[in-house]
Amino acid sequence: MTSPLLGPASDLEPTRAAAVIEATLTASLLSFARLPGATLHDGPTGSWVDAGVPDATFNAVAAWRPRVSGPRPSTPRSPPSSPTSADGPDR
């Protein structure tokens, strides 16, 4: 397969291919912001589109950039405790 912009797909390094795929998907999702009544929310922690229609097909989070402040913890956090049978069925 050959891309007019990138050349033969087989020439892409795996990390470069992943970056190209991610950029393409992000651009595709953000294109919904051009719909009438849609709103693009683009900030330091992410980009998402509210298409103005109550349908998950057109409303999407296109990029998430979590804030990192200070050093990451060196030990993993404990998972939340599992519900007991008195809490009802698993959700």
Protein backbone atom coordinates (compact mmCIF):
# COMPACT_ATOMS: atom_id res chain seq x y z
CA MET A 1 0.00 0.00 0.00
CA THR A 2 1.33 3.45 -0.89
CA SER A 3 0.31 6.75 0.66
CA PRO A 4 0.70 9.85 -1.51
CA LEU A 5 2.03 11.72 1.53
CA LEU A 6 4.10 9.07 3.27
CA GLY A 7 5.28 6.69 0.55
CA PRO A 8 5.05 2.91 0.87
CA ALA A 9 3.47 1.86 4.15
CA SER A 10 6.06 -0.89 4.53
CA ASP A 11 8.76 1.79 4.88
CA LEU A 12 7.24 3.16 8.10
CA GLU A 13 8.83 2.26 11.40
CA PRO A 14 6.23 0.82 13.81
CA THR A 15 6.36 3.85 16.12
CA ARG A 16 5.99 6.22 13.17
CA ALA A 17 3.08 4.15 11.81
CA ALA A 18 1.36 4.30 15.21
CA ALA A 19 1.82 8.09 15.33
CA VAL A 20 0.37 8.47 11.81
CA ILE A 21 -2.64 6.29 12.69
CA GLU A 22 -3.26 8.22 15.92
CA ALA A 23 -3.00 11.60 14.14
CA THR A 24 -5.43 10.42 11.45
CA LEU A 25 -7.98 9.17 13.98
CA THR A 26 -7.68 12.39 16.00
CA ALA A 27 -8.21 14.56 12.90
CA SER A 28 -11.20 12.43 11.92
CA LEU A 29 -12.85 12.78 15.33
CA LEU A 30 -12.18 16.52 15.49
CA SER A 31 -13.76 17.00 12.06
CA PHE A 32 -17.17 16.61 13.73
CA ALA A 33 -16.58 20.08 15.21
CA ARG A 34 -17.47 21.47 11.77
CA LEU A 35 -21.06 20.26 12.06
CA PRO A 36 -23.66 23.02 12.55
CA GLY A 37 -24.15 23.55 16.28
CA ALA A 38 -21.01 21.63 17.26
CA THR A 39 -18.44 22.91 19.73
CA LEU A 40 -14.76 22.04 19.87
CA HIS A 41 -13.25 21.99 23.35
CA ASP A 42 -9.48 22.12 23.13
CA GLY A 43 -7.43 22.70 26.24
CA PRO A 44 -4.25 21.70 28.02
CA THR A 45 -5.72 18.40 29.20
CA GLY A 46 -7.55 17.28 26.10
CA SER A 47 -9.58 17.85 22.98
CA TRP A 48 -13.19 16.80 22.59
CA VAL A 49 -16.20 17.57 20.44
CA ASP A 50 -19.76 18.24 21.55
CA ALA A 51 -21.60 17.84 18.26
CA GLY A 52 -24.82 19.30 19.61
CA VAL A 53 -26.69 16.03 19.11
CA PRO A 54 -27.31 13.41 21.81
CA ASP A 55 -25.52 10.64 19.92
CA ALA A 56 -22.20 9.07 20.91
CA THR A 57 -21.33 8.65 17.23
CA PHE A 58 -20.68 12.37 16.85
CA ASN A 59 -19.51 13.31 20.37
CA ALA A 60 -15.96 12.21 21.02
CA VAL A 61 -12.83 12.69 23.10
CA ALA A 62 -10.07 12.95 20.51
CA ALA A 63 -7.05 13.48 22.75
CA TRP A 64 -6.40 13.21 26.46
CA ARG A 65 -3.36 14.78 28.06
CA PRO A 66 -3.41 14.12 31.80
CA ARG A 67 -1.74 16.68 33.98
CA VAL A 68 1.38 15.47 35.67
CA SER A 69 2.59 17.49 38.61
CA GLY A 70 5.61 16.41 40.56
CA PRO A 71 7.24 12.99 40.47
CA ARG A 72 5.16 9.94 39.83
CA PRO A 73 4.59 7.67 42.82
CA SER A 74 7.12 4.88 43.05
CA THR A 75 4.58 2.34 44.29
CA PRO A 76 1.30 1.50 42.59
CA ARG A 77 -1.88 2.60 44.26
CA SER A 78 -4.15 -0.03 45.76
CA PRO A 79 -7.22 -0.90 43.69
CA PRO A 80 -10.56 0.05 45.19
CA SER A 81 -12.05 -2.58 47.45
CA SER A 82 -14.52 -4.91 45.79
CA PRO A 83 -18.19 -4.56 46.68
CA THR A 84 -19.65 -7.01 49.16
CA SER A 85 -22.78 -9.03 48.45
CA ALA A 86 -24.76 -6.50 50.52
CA ASP A 87 -23.85 -3.83 47.96
CA GLY A 88 -25.75 -5.62 45.22
CA PRO A 89 -24.59 -7.03 41.89
CA ASP A 90 -21.32 -6.07 40.27
CA ARG A 91 -21.56 -3.02 38.07
